[in-house]
Amino acid sequence: MIVEVPPRYRGVTRGTKKVEVEASSVLASLAAVEAQYPGFHELVLDPKGQVRRFVRLFLNGDELPREDFDRSIEASDVLSVVTGAAGG
């Protein structure tokens, strides 16, 4: 499967926009990216393992509910990590 990395997080992935991983769930795919690019996990998830406030995850273009990250995925799926901008 492919995990699409937002521009703000590409410092950790050394500029990589799309990371190919083998995983059976959404959370496992994030862990697989972390294994290749340490530091990625903490950008997406808080210390309690919850998705950070300004992060949204989309599976094949559909936004995932925050409680649905143990959802099974297929090899052909695309998980997009999207970040919002904070400020005022």
PDB file of N, CA and C in Angstrom:
ATOM      1  N   MET A   1       0.833  -1.161   0.000  1.00  0.00           N
ATOM      2  CA  MET A   1       0.000   0.000   0.000  1.00  0.00           C
ATOM      3  C   MET A   1       0.883   1.230   0.000  1.00  0.00           C
ATOM      4  N   ILE A   2       0.277   2.356  -0.296  1.00  0.00           N
ATOM      5  CA  ILE A   2       1.005   3.625  -0.353  1.00  0.00           C
ATOM      6  C   ILE A   2       0.515   4.536   0.760  1.00  0.00           C
ATOM      7  N   VAL A   3       1.446   5.179   1.448  1.00  0.00           N
ATOM      8  CA  VAL A   3       1.123   6.229   2.412  1.00  0.00           C
ATOM      9  C   VAL A   3       1.623   7.536   1.814  1.00  0.00           C
ATOM     10  N   GLU A   4       0.711   8.467   1.597  1.00  0.00           N
ATOM     11  CA  GLU A   4       1.067   9.774   1.055  1.00  0.00           C
ATOM     12  C   GLU A   4       1.401  10.715   2.206  1.00  0.00           C
ATOM     13  N   VAL A   5       2.574  11.331   2.114  1.00  0.00           N
ATOM     14  CA  VAL A   5       3.096  12.183   3.179  1.00  0.00           C
ATOM     15  C   VAL A   5       2.880  13.647   2.792  1.00  0.00           C
ATOM     16  N   PRO A   6       2.291  14.444   3.705  1.00  0.00           N
ATOM     17  CA  PRO A   6       2.076  15.858   3.390  1.00  0.00           C
ATOM     18  C   PRO A   6       3.397  16.628   3.358  1.00  0.00           C
ATOM     19  N   PRO A   7       3.441  17.731   2.624  1.00  0.00           N
ATOM     20  CA  PRO A   7       4.681  18.505   2.512  1.00  0.00           C
ATOM     21  C   PRO A   7       5.305  18.877   3.854  1.00  0.00           C
ATOM     22  N   ARG A   8       4.503  19.211   4.843  1.00  0.00           N
ATOM     23  CA  ARG A   8       5.026  19.631   6.149  1.00  0.00           C
ATOM     24  C   ARG A   8       5.765  18.513   6.872  1.00  0.00           C
ATOM     25  N   TYR A   9       5.524  17.268   6.512  1.00  0.00           N
ATOM     26  CA  TYR A   9       6.136  16.123   7.192  1.00  0.00           C
ATOM     27  C   TYR A   9       7.255  15.476   6.370  1.00  0.00           C
ATOM     28  N   ARG A  10       7.569  16.051   5.241  1.00  0.00           N
ATOM     29  CA  ARG A  10       8.571  15.434   4.370  1.00  0.00           C
ATOM     30  C   ARG A  10       9.999  15.653   4.819  1.00  0.00           C
ATOM     31  N   GLY A  11      10.222  16.464   5.835  1.00  0.00           N
ATOM     32  CA  GLY A  11      11.569  16.584   6.400  1.00  0.00           C
ATOM     33  C   GLY A  11      11.993  15.262   7.007  1.00  0.00           C
ATOM     34  N   VAL A  12      11.067  14.638   7.725  1.00  0.00           N
ATOM     35  CA  VAL A  12      11.336  13.344   8.345  1.00  0.00           C
ATOM     36  C   VAL A  12      11.545  12.267   7.288  1.00  0.00           C
ATOM     37  N   THR A  13      10.801  12.348   6.191  1.00  0.00           N
ATOM     38  CA  THR A  13      10.909  11.320   5.142  1.00  0.00           C
ATOM     39  C   THR A  13      11.940  11.697   4.080  1.00  0.00           C
ATOM     40  N   ARG A  14      12.734  12.707   4.395  1.00  0.00           N
ATOM     41  CA  ARG A  14      13.794  13.162   3.478  1.00  0.00           C
ATOM     42  C   ARG A  14      13.250  13.476   2.082  1.00  0.00           C
ATOM     43  N   GLY A  15      12.096  14.133   2.058  1.00  0.00           N
ATOM     44  CA  GLY A  15      11.506  14.578   0.802  1.00  0.00           C
ATOM     45  C   GLY A  15      10.597  13.568   0.121  1.00  0.00           C
ATOM     46  N   THR A  16      10.503  12.378   0.648  1.00  0.00           N
ATOM     47  CA  THR A  16       9.672  11.342   0.028  1.00  0.00           C
ATOM     48  C   THR A  16       8.199  11.695   0.177  1.00  0.00           C
ATOM     49  N   LYS A  17       7.480  11.705  -0.955  1.00  0.00           N
ATOM     50  CA  LYS A  17       6.058  12.043  -0.967  1.00  0.00           C
ATOM     51  C   LYS A  17       5.168  10.833  -0.742  1.00  0.00           C
ATOM     52  N   LYS A  18       5.594   9.693  -1.255  1.00  0.00           N
ATOM     53  CA  LYS A  18       4.800   8.470  -1.167  1.00  0.00           C
ATOM     54  C   LYS A  18       5.692   7.340  -0.673  1.00  0.00           C
ATOM     55  N   VAL A  19       5.243   6.692   0.404  1.00  0.00           N
ATOM     56  CA  VAL A  19       6.023   5.608   0.999  1.00  0.00           C
ATOM     57  C   VAL A  19       5.252   4.318   0.788  1.00  0.00           C
ATOM     58  N   GLU A  20       5.903   3.351   0.171  1.00  0.00           N
ATOM     59  CA  GLU A  20       5.266   2.048  -0.039  1.00  0.00           C
ATOM     60  C   GLU A  20       5.568   1.157   1.161  1.00  0.00           C
ATOM     61  N   VAL A  21       4.509   0.589   1.739  1.00  0.00           N
ATOM     62  CA  VAL A  21       4.659  -0.258   2.926  1.00  0.00           C
ATOM     63  C   VAL A  21       3.801  -1.506   2.779  1.00  0.00           C
ATOM     64  N   GLU A  22       4.147  -2.517   3.559  1.00  0.00           N
ATOM     65  CA  GLU A  22       3.321  -3.708   3.678  1.00  0.00           C
ATOM     66  C   GLU A  22       2.712  -3.680   5.065  1.00  0.00           C
ATOM     67  N   ALA A  23       1.376  -3.656   5.128  1.00  0.00           N
ATOM     68  CA  ALA A  23       0.688  -3.586   6.415  1.00  0.00           C
ATOM     69  C   ALA A  23      -0.736  -4.100   6.249  1.00  0.00           C
ATOM     70  N   SER A  24      -1.311  -4.517   7.382  1.00  0.00           N
ATOM     71  CA  SER A  24      -2.669  -5.072   7.331  1.00  0.00           C
ATOM     72  C   SER A  24      -3.724  -4.138   7.905  1.00  0.00           C
ATOM     73  N   SER A  25      -3.288  -3.010   8.490  1.00  0.00           N
ATOM     74  CA  SER A  25      -4.248  -2.048   9.033  1.00  0.00           C
ATOM     75  C   SER A  25      -3.693  -0.635   8.869  1.00  0.00           C
ATOM     76  N   VAL A  26      -4.556   0.329   9.117  1.00  0.00           N
ATOM     77  CA  VAL A  26      -4.137   1.727   9.028  1.00  0.00           C
ATOM     78  C   VAL A  26      -3.013   2.001  10.030  1.00  0.00           C
ATOM     79  N   LEU A  27      -3.200   1.600  11.284  1.00  0.00           N
ATOM     80  CA  LEU A  27      -2.167   1.830  12.291  1.00  0.00           C
ATOM     81  C   LEU A  27      -0.866   1.106  11.950  1.00  0.00           C
ATOM     82  N   ALA A  28      -0.969  -0.095  11.426  1.00  0.00           N
ATOM     83  CA  ALA A  28       0.230  -0.838  11.034  1.00  0.00           C
ATOM     84  C   ALA A  28       0.954  -0.129   9.889  1.00  0.00           C
ATOM     85  N   SER A  29       0.214   0.517   9.013  1.00  0.00           N
ATOM     86  CA  SER A  29       0.861   1.239   7.911  1.00  0.00           C
ATOM     87  C   SER A  29       1.632   2.446   8.441  1.00  0.00           C
ATOM     88  N   LEU A  30       1.067   3.136   9.452  1.00  0.00           N
ATOM     89  CA  LEU A  30       1.791   4.254  10.060  1.00  0.00           C
ATOM     90  C   LEU A  30       3.049   3.760  10.761  1.00  0.00           C
ATOM     91  N   ALA A  31       2.949   2.619  11.435  1.00  0.00           N
ATOM     92  CA  ALA A  31       4.110   2.032  12.099  1.00  0.00           C
ATOM     93  C   ALA A  31       5.175   1.626  11.084  1.00  0.00           C
ATOM     94  N   ALA A  32       4.749   1.155   9.920  1.00  0.00           N
ATOM     95  CA  ALA A  32       5.694   0.760   8.874  1.00  0.00           C
ATOM     96  C   ALA A  32       6.438   1.969   8.323  1.00  0.00           C
ATOM     97  N   VAL A  33       5.741   3.095   8.191  1.00  0.00           N
ATOM     98  CA  VAL A  33       6.423   4.321   7.764  1.00  0.00           C
ATOM     99  C   VAL A  33       7.423   4.744   8.840  1.00  0.00           C
ATOM    100  N   GLU A  34       7.008   4.659  10.100  1.00  0.00           N
ATOM    101  CA  GLU A  34       7.905   4.990  11.216  1.00  0.00           C
ATOM    102  C   GLU A  34       9.168   4.130  11.189  1.00  0.00           C
ATOM    103  N   ALA A  35       9.018   2.856  10.841  1.00  0.00           N
ATOM    104  CA  ALA A  35      10.175   1.958  10.791  1.00  0.00           C
ATOM    105  C   ALA A  35      11.186   2.417   9.742  1.00  0.00           C
ATOM    106  N   GLN A  36      10.693   2.977   8.647  1.00  0.00           N
ATOM    107  CA  GLN A  36      11.576   3.472   7.588  1.00  0.00           C
ATOM    108  C   GLN A  36      12.078   4.886   7.874  1.00  0.00           C
ATOM    109  N   TYR A  37      11.225   5.687   8.515  1.00  0.00           N
ATOM    110  CA  TYR A  37      11.533   7.093   8.753  1.00  0.00           C
ATOM    111  C   TYR A  37      11.212   7.456  10.205  1.00  0.00           C
ATOM    112  N   PRO A  38      12.127   7.167  11.123  1.00  0.00           N
ATOM    113  CA  PRO A  38      11.884   7.480  12.530  1.00  0.00           C
ATOM    114  C   PRO A  38      11.517   8.949  12.732  1.00  0.00           C
ATOM    115  N   GLY A  39      10.507   9.161  13.565  1.00  0.00           N
ATOM    116  CA  GLY A  39      10.016  10.506  13.821  1.00  0.00           C
ATOM    117  C   GLY A  39       8.683  10.774  13.161  1.00  0.00           C
ATOM    118  N   PHE A  40       8.319   9.962  12.175  1.00  0.00           N
ATOM    119  CA  PHE A  40       7.058  10.167  11.469  1.00  0.00           C
ATOM    120  C   PHE A  40       5.860   9.934  12.391  1.00  0.00           C
ATOM    121  N   HIS A  41       5.923   8.873  13.154  1.00  0.00           N
ATOM    122  CA  HIS A  41       4.811   8.473  14.023  1.00  0.00           C
ATOM    123  C   HIS A  41       4.401   9.604  14.961  1.00  0.00           C
ATOM    124  N   GLU A  42       5.370  10.272  15.567  1.00  0.00           N
ATOM    125  CA  GLU A  42       5.054  11.334  16.528  1.00  0.00           C
ATOM    126  C   GLU A  42       4.479  12.581  15.867  1.00  0.00           C
ATOM    127  N   LEU A  43       4.658  12.731  14.574  1.00  0.00           N
ATOM    128  CA  LEU A  43       4.025  13.837  13.857  1.00  0.00           C
ATOM    129  C   LEU A  43       2.533  13.587  13.663  1.00  0.00           C
ATOM    130  N   VAL A  44       2.173  12.325  13.503  1.00  0.00           N
ATOM    131  CA  VAL A  44       0.792  11.954  13.201  1.00  0.00           C
ATOM    132  C   VAL A  44      -0.002  11.637  14.468  1.00  0.00           C
ATOM    133  N   LEU A  45       0.617  10.933  15.404  1.00  0.00           N
ATOM    134  CA  LEU A  45      -0.076  10.506  16.617  1.00  0.00           C
ATOM    135  C   LEU A  45       0.494  11.192  17.850  1.00  0.00           C
ATOM    136  N   ASP A  46      -0.388  11.469  18.817  1.00  0.00           N
ATOM    137  CA  ASP A  46       0.058  12.067  20.068  1.00  0.00           C
ATOM    138  C   ASP A  46       0.593  10.977  21.006  1.00  0.00           C
ATOM    139  N   PRO A  47       1.106  11.340  22.183  1.00  0.00           N
ATOM    140  CA  PRO A  47       1.667  10.334  23.094  1.00  0.00           C
ATOM    141  C   PRO A  47       0.667   9.256  23.535  1.00  0.00           C
ATOM    142  N   LYS A  48      -0.626   9.542  23.451  1.00  0.00           N
ATOM    143  CA  LYS A  48      -1.649   8.561  23.823  1.00  0.00           C
ATOM    144  C   LYS A  48      -2.031   7.654  22.663  1.00  0.00           C
ATOM    145  N   GLY A  49      -1.410   7.866  21.497  1.00  0.00           N
ATOM    146  CA  GLY A  49      -1.715   7.049  20.334  1.00  0.00           C
ATOM    147  C   GLY A  49      -2.918   7.522  19.543  1.00  0.00           C
ATOM    148  N   GLN A  50      -3.391   8.718  19.836  1.00  0.00           N
ATOM    149  CA  GLN A  50      -4.521   9.301  19.116  1.00  0.00           C
ATOM    150  C   GLN A  50      -4.001  10.201  17.996  1.00  0.00           C
ATOM    151  N   VAL A  51      -4.780  10.302  16.942  1.00  0.00           N
ATOM    152  CA  VAL A  51      -4.391  11.181  15.841  1.00  0.00           C
ATOM    153  C   VAL A  51      -4.371  12.616  16.354  1.00  0.00           C
ATOM    154  N   ARG A  52      -3.312  13.311  16.018  1.00  0.00           N
ATOM    155  CA  ARG A  52      -3.170  14.701  16.465  1.00  0.00           C
ATOM    156  C   ARG A  52      -4.315  15.560  15.946  1.00  0.00           C
ATOM    157  N   ARG A  53      -4.579  16.620  16.668  1.00  0.00           N
ATOM    158  CA  ARG A  53      -5.728  17.490  16.410  1.00  0.00           C
ATOM    159  C   ARG A  53      -5.811  17.998  14.969  1.00  0.00           C
ATOM    160  N   PHE A  54      -4.694  18.391  14.392  1.00  0.00           N
ATOM    161  CA  PHE A  54      -4.711  18.987  13.064  1.00  0.00           C
ATOM    162  C   PHE A  54      -4.347  17.999  11.959  1.00  0.00           C
ATOM    163  N   VAL A  55      -4.455  16.708  12.254  1.00  0.00           N
ATOM    164  CA  VAL A  55      -4.152  15.677  11.257  1.00  0.00           C
ATOM    165  C   VAL A  55      -5.439  14.932  10.908  1.00  0.00           C
ATOM    166  N   ARG A  56      -5.619  14.675   9.628  1.00  0.00           N
ATOM    167  CA  ARG A  56      -6.734  13.855   9.144  1.00  0.00           C
ATOM    168  C   ARG A  56      -6.139  12.744   8.286  1.00  0.00           C
ATOM    169  N   LEU A  57      -6.742  11.579   8.349  1.00  0.00           N
ATOM    170  CA  LEU A  57      -6.314  10.454   7.523  1.00  0.00           C
ATOM    171  C   LEU A  57      -7.431  10.105   6.550  1.00  0.00           C
ATOM    172  N   PHE A  58      -7.035   9.870   5.304  1.00  0.00           N
ATOM    173  CA  PHE A  58      -7.981   9.508   4.251  1.00  0.00           C
ATOM    174  C   PHE A  58      -7.540   8.183   3.646  1.00  0.00           C
ATOM    175  N   LEU A  59      -8.469   7.261   3.526  1.00  0.00           N
ATOM    176  CA  LEU A  59      -8.199   5.976   2.898  1.00  0.00           C
ATOM    177  C   LEU A  59      -8.908   5.953   1.566  1.00  0.00           C
ATOM    178  N   ASN A  60      -8.130   5.921   0.493  1.00  0.00           N
ATOM    179  CA  ASN A  60      -8.673   5.951  -0.867  1.00  0.00           C
ATOM    180  C   ASN A  60      -9.617   7.136  -1.075  1.00  0.00           C
ATOM    181  N   GLY A  61      -9.249   8.282  -0.482  1.00  0.00           N
ATOM    182  CA  GLY A  61     -10.014   9.510  -0.666  1.00  0.00           C
ATOM    183  C   GLY A  61     -11.128   9.745   0.328  1.00  0.00           C
ATOM    184  N   ASP A  62     -11.442   8.760   1.163  1.00  0.00           N
ATOM    185  CA  ASP A  62     -12.509   8.908   2.154  1.00  0.00           C
ATOM    186  C   ASP A  62     -11.897   9.147   3.530  1.00  0.00           C
ATOM    187  N   GLU A  63     -12.360  10.204   4.224  1.00  0.00           N
ATOM    188  CA  GLU A  63     -11.833  10.501   5.549  1.00  0.00           C
ATOM    189  C   GLU A  63     -12.204   9.391   6.527  1.00  0.00           C
ATOM    190  N   LEU A  64     -11.223   8.982   7.286  1.00  0.00           N
ATOM    191  CA  LEU A  64     -11.451   7.952   8.296  1.00  0.00           C
ATOM    192  C   LEU A  64     -11.909   8.588   9.600  1.00  0.00           C
ATOM    193  N   PRO A  65     -12.933   8.031  10.233  1.00  0.00           N
ATOM    194  CA  PRO A  65     -13.282   8.495  11.575  1.00  0.00           C
ATOM    195  C   PRO A  65     -12.101   8.224  12.506  1.00  0.00           C
ATOM    196  N   ARG A  66     -11.893   9.062  13.475  1.00  0.00           N
ATOM    197  CA  ARG A  66     -10.744   8.946  14.380  1.00  0.00           C
ATOM    198  C   ARG A  66     -10.694   7.618  15.118  1.00  0.00           C
ATOM    199  N   GLU A  67     -11.828   6.971  15.316  1.00  0.00           N
ATOM    200  CA  GLU A  67     -11.837   5.708  16.048  1.00  0.00           C
ATOM    201  C   GLU A  67     -11.704   4.493  15.133  1.00  0.00           C
ATOM    202  N   ASP A  68     -11.454   4.700  13.848  1.00  0.00           N
ATOM    203  CA  ASP A  68     -11.461   3.607  12.876  1.00  0.00           C
ATOM    204  C   ASP A  68     -10.077   3.293  12.310  1.00  0.00           C
ATOM    205  N   PHE A  69      -9.025   3.497  13.102  1.00  0.00           N
ATOM    206  CA  PHE A  69      -7.678   3.320  12.584  1.00  0.00           C
ATOM    207  C   PHE A  69      -7.161   1.897  12.654  1.00  0.00           C
ATOM    208  N   ASP A  70      -7.960   0.997  13.213  1.00  0.00           N
ATOM    209  CA  ASP A  70      -7.584  -0.414  13.176  1.00  0.00           C
ATOM    210  C   ASP A  70      -8.202  -1.113  11.971  1.00  0.00           C
ATOM    211  N   ARG A  71      -8.786  -0.345  11.089  1.00  0.00           N
ATOM    212  CA  ARG A  71      -9.424  -0.866   9.874  1.00  0.00           C
ATOM    213  C   ARG A  71      -8.419  -1.618   9.012  1.00  0.00           C
ATOM    214  N   SER A  72      -8.868  -2.734   8.477  1.00  0.00           N
ATOM    215  CA  SER A  72      -8.027  -3.519   7.559  1.00  0.00           C
ATOM    216  C   SER A  72      -7.837  -2.773   6.254  1.00  0.00           C
ATOM    217  N   ILE A  73      -6.678  -3.001   5.655  1.00  0.00           N
ATOM    218  CA  ILE A  73      -6.380  -2.365   4.375  1.00  0.00           C
ATOM    219  C   ILE A  73      -5.891  -3.413   3.391  1.00  0.00           C
ATOM    220  N   GLU A  74      -5.928  -3.039   2.127  1.00  0.00           N
ATOM    221  CA  GLU A  74      -5.484  -3.897   1.034  1.00  0.00           C
ATOM    222  C   GLU A  74      -4.189  -3.341   0.448  1.00  0.00           C
ATOM    223  N   ALA A  75      -3.467  -4.172  -0.265  1.00  0.00           N
ATOM    224  CA  ALA A  75      -2.196  -3.759  -0.873  1.00  0.00           C
ATOM    225  C   ALA A  75      -2.376  -2.615  -1.871  1.00  0.00           C
ATOM    226  N   SER A  76      -3.551  -2.514  -2.471  1.00  0.00           N
ATOM    227  CA  SER A  76      -3.800  -1.478  -3.474  1.00  0.00           C
ATOM    228  C   SER A  76      -4.300  -0.163  -2.871  1.00  0.00           C
ATOM    229  N   ASP A  77      -4.473  -0.106  -1.552  1.00  0.00           N
ATOM    230  CA  ASP A  77      -5.011   1.092  -0.911  1.00  0.00           C
ATOM    231  C   ASP A  77      -3.991   2.215  -0.840  1.00  0.00           C
ATOM    232  N   VAL A  78      -4.533   3.439  -0.712  1.00  0.00           N
ATOM    233  CA  VAL A  78      -3.713   4.630  -0.535  1.00  0.00           C
ATOM    234  C   VAL A  78      -4.191   5.331   0.728  1.00  0.00           C
ATOM    235  N   LEU A  79      -3.290   5.526   1.665  1.00  0.00           N
ATOM    236  CA  LEU A  79      -3.582   6.276   2.892  1.00  0.00           C
ATOM    237  C   LEU A  79      -2.930   7.633   2.769  1.00  0.00           C
ATOM    238  N   SER A  80      -3.747   8.672   2.832  1.00  0.00           N
ATOM    239  CA  SER A  80      -3.240  10.037   2.735  1.00  0.00           C
ATOM    240  C   SER A  80      -3.267  10.687   4.110  1.00  0.00           C
ATOM    241  N   VAL A  81      -2.133  11.222   4.509  1.00  0.00           N
ATOM    242  CA  VAL A  81      -2.029  11.986   5.745  1.00  0.00           C
ATOM    243  C   VAL A  81      -2.145  13.458   5.354  1.00  0.00           C
ATOM    244  N   VAL A  82      -3.122  14.143   5.954  1.00  0.00           N
ATOM    245  CA  VAL A  82      -3.382  15.548   5.607  1.00  0.00           C
ATOM    246  C   VAL A  82      -3.267  16.372   6.875  1.00  0.00           C
ATOM    247  N   THR A  83      -2.542  17.480   6.790  1.00  0.00           N
ATOM    248  CA  THR A  83      -2.394  18.355   7.954  1.00  0.00           C
ATOM    249  C   THR A  83      -3.076  19.670   7.705  1.00  0.00           C
ATOM    250  N   GLY A  84      -3.635  20.215   8.770  1.00  0.00           N
ATOM    251  CA  GLY A  84      -4.234  21.544   8.709  1.00  0.00           C
ATOM    252  C   GLY A  84      -3.243  22.555   9.223  1.00  0.00           C
ATOM    253  N   ALA A  85      -3.552  23.799   8.987  1.00  0.00           N
ATOM    254  CA  ALA A  85      -2.697  24.871   9.480  1.00  0.00           C
ATOM    255  C   ALA A  85      -3.333  25.477  10.712  1.00  0.00           C
ATOM    256  N   ALA A  86      -2.551  25.630  11.744  1.00  0.00           N
ATOM    257  CA  ALA A  86      -3.042  26.265  12.970  1.00  0.00           C
ATOM    258  C   ALA A  86      -2.625  27.734  12.964  1.00  0.00           C
ATOM    259  N   GLY A  87      -3.321  28.499  13.690  1.00  0.00           N
ATOM    260  CA  GLY A  87      -2.960  29.898  13.797  1.00  0.00           C
ATOM    261  C   GLY A  87      -4.181  30.776  13.730  1.00  0.00           C
ATOM    262  N   GLY A  88      -3.954  32.053  13.689  1.00  0.00           N
ATOM    263  CA  GLY A  88      -5.121  32.918  13.704  1.00  0.00           C
ATOM    264  C   GLY A  88      -4.853  34.261  13.241  1.00  0.00           C
TER     265      GLY A  88
END
